[in-house]
Amino acid sequence: MPVYLTRFSYTPETWARLINKPEDRRKAAQSYIESLSLAITSGGAVSSLETTVLLTVEETLEALRKAKGIQYRPPGA
């Protein structure tokens, strides 16, 4: 199963609401992210969103094995 890291930033208005009334938003954020990452940004509570696919150790080792055979030519070389 793929594992993802999702990072986002709350807007100043959202921070103010959370300071006024602290609450654990993990379950709400998880349901938004699992259903569709864009849903969390459409509500206006966050100013940025970034999702990264994480690799397992096995996937990293396989990628390194594949990379060994690739001949990379930098731009202008």
C-alpha atoms as a PDB file:
ATOM      1  CA  MET A   1       0.000   0.000   0.000  1.00  0.00           C
ATOM      2  CA  PRO A   2       1.426   3.417  -0.924  1.00  0.00           C
ATOM      3  CA  VAL A   3       2.314   5.767   1.911  1.00  0.00           C
ATOM      4  CA  TYR A   4       1.991   9.529   1.492  1.00  0.00           C
ATOM      5  CA  LEU A   5       3.208  12.590   3.346  1.00  0.00           C
ATOM      6  CA  THR A   6       0.841  15.538   3.082  1.00  0.00           C
ATOM      7  CA  ARG A   7       1.963  18.971   4.227  1.00  0.00           C
ATOM      8  CA  PHE A   8      -0.230  22.022   4.349  1.00  0.00           C
ATOM      9  CA  SER A   9      -0.296  25.470   5.889  1.00  0.00           C
ATOM     10  CA  TYR A  10      -3.246  26.945   7.726  1.00  0.00           C
ATOM     11  CA  THR A  11      -4.283  30.472   6.870  1.00  0.00           C
ATOM     12  CA  PRO A  12      -3.934  33.143   9.586  1.00  0.00           C
ATOM     13  CA  GLU A  13      -7.721  33.115   9.992  1.00  0.00           C
ATOM     14  CA  THR A  14      -7.734  29.365  10.646  1.00  0.00           C
ATOM     15  CA  TRP A  15      -4.940  29.715  13.222  1.00  0.00           C
ATOM     16  CA  ALA A  16      -6.992  32.411  14.965  1.00  0.00           C
ATOM     17  CA  ARG A  17     -10.041  30.105  15.090  1.00  0.00           C
ATOM     18  CA  LEU A  18      -7.916  27.241  16.453  1.00  0.00           C
ATOM     19  CA  ILE A  19      -6.358  29.494  19.097  1.00  0.00           C
ATOM     20  CA  ASN A  20      -9.834  30.616  20.139  1.00  0.00           C
ATOM     21  CA  LYS A  21     -11.195  27.057  20.158  1.00  0.00           C
ATOM     22  CA  PRO A  22      -8.436  24.385  20.012  1.00  0.00           C
ATOM     23  CA  GLU A  23      -9.437  21.084  18.458  1.00  0.00           C
ATOM     24  CA  ASP A  24      -7.786  17.949  17.108  1.00  0.00           C
ATOM     25  CA  ARG A  25      -8.211  18.146  13.325  1.00  0.00           C
ATOM     26  CA  ARG A  26      -6.421  14.886  12.442  1.00  0.00           C
ATOM     27  CA  LYS A  27      -9.529  12.838  11.664  1.00  0.00           C
ATOM     28  CA  ALA A  28     -11.118  15.630   9.627  1.00  0.00           C
ATOM     29  CA  ALA A  29      -7.912  16.210   7.649  1.00  0.00           C
ATOM     30  CA  GLN A  30      -7.427  12.466   7.112  1.00  0.00           C
ATOM     31  CA  SER A  31     -10.910  12.037   5.652  1.00  0.00           C
ATOM     32  CA  TYR A  32     -10.371  14.996   3.299  1.00  0.00           C
ATOM     33  CA  ILE A  33      -6.965  13.749   2.199  1.00  0.00           C
ATOM     34  CA  GLU A  34      -8.130  10.165   1.689  1.00  0.00           C
ATOM     35  CA  SER A  35     -11.175  11.211  -0.325  1.00  0.00           C
ATOM     36  CA  LEU A  36      -9.489  13.852  -2.434  1.00  0.00           C
ATOM     37  CA  SER A  37      -6.533  16.097  -1.473  1.00  0.00           C
ATOM     38  CA  LEU A  38      -8.098  19.048  -3.310  1.00  0.00           C
ATOM     39  CA  ALA A  39     -11.138  19.032  -1.022  1.00  0.00           C
ATOM     40  CA  ILE A  40      -9.048  20.349   1.845  1.00  0.00           C
ATOM     41  CA  THR A  41      -7.928  23.397  -0.152  1.00  0.00           C
ATOM     42  CA  SER A  42     -11.387  24.228  -1.473  1.00  0.00           C
ATOM     43  CA  GLY A  43     -12.669  24.986   2.021  1.00  0.00           C
ATOM     44  CA  GLY A  44     -10.403  28.030   2.329  1.00  0.00           C
ATOM     45  CA  ALA A  45      -8.745  26.897   5.573  1.00  0.00           C
ATOM     46  CA  VAL A  46      -5.311  26.181   4.107  1.00  0.00           C
ATOM     47  CA  SER A  47      -3.073  28.315   1.949  1.00  0.00           C
ATOM     48  CA  SER A  48      -0.917  25.557   0.470  1.00  0.00           C
ATOM     49  CA  LEU A  49      -0.938  21.782   0.098  1.00  0.00           C
ATOM     50  CA  GLU A  50       1.822  19.380  -0.929  1.00  0.00           C
ATOM     51  CA  THR A  51       1.619  15.579  -1.112  1.00  0.00           C
ATOM     52  CA  THR A  52       4.684  13.381  -1.503  1.00  0.00           C
ATOM     53  CA  VAL A  53       4.700   9.654  -2.224  1.00  0.00           C
ATOM     54  CA  LEU A  54       7.041   7.960   0.243  1.00  0.00           C
ATOM     55  CA  LEU A  55       9.154   4.970  -0.747  1.00  0.00           C
ATOM     56  CA  THR A  56       9.775   1.919   1.379  1.00  0.00           C
ATOM     57  CA  VAL A  57      13.362   0.744   1.863  1.00  0.00           C
ATOM     58  CA  GLU A  58      12.721  -2.021  -0.672  1.00  0.00           C
ATOM     59  CA  GLU A  59      11.354   0.454  -3.231  1.00  0.00           C
ATOM     60  CA  THR A  60      14.360   2.723  -2.665  1.00  0.00           C
ATOM     61  CA  LEU A  61      16.803  -0.148  -3.194  1.00  0.00           C
ATOM     62  CA  GLU A  62      15.018  -1.136  -6.411  1.00  0.00           C
ATOM     63  CA  ALA A  63      15.140   2.460  -7.654  1.00  0.00           C
ATOM     64  CA  LEU A  64      18.876   2.598  -6.894  1.00  0.00           C
ATOM     65  CA  ARG A  65      19.445  -0.638  -8.832  1.00  0.00           C
ATOM     66  CA  LYS A  66      17.580   0.809 -11.815  1.00  0.00           C
ATOM     67  CA  ALA A  67      19.432   4.138 -11.567  1.00  0.00           C
ATOM     68  CA  LYS A  68      22.798   2.377 -11.824  1.00  0.00           C
ATOM     69  CA  GLY A  69      22.114   1.513 -15.467  1.00  0.00           C
ATOM     70  CA  ILE A  70      20.923   4.962 -16.527  1.00  0.00           C
ATOM     71  CA  GLN A  71      23.370   7.207 -18.323  1.00  0.00           C
ATOM     72  CA  TYR A  72      22.441  10.777 -17.395  1.00  0.00           C
ATOM     73  CA  ARG A  73      23.645  13.654 -19.555  1.00  0.00           C
ATOM     74  CA  PRO A  74      23.390  17.051 -17.834  1.00  0.00           C
ATOM     75  CA  PRO A  75      22.027  19.989 -19.851  1.00  0.00           C
ATOM     76  CA  GLY A  76      24.675  21.499 -22.118  1.00  0.00           C
ATOM     77  CA  ALA A  77      27.019  18.506 -21.808  1.00  0.00           C
END
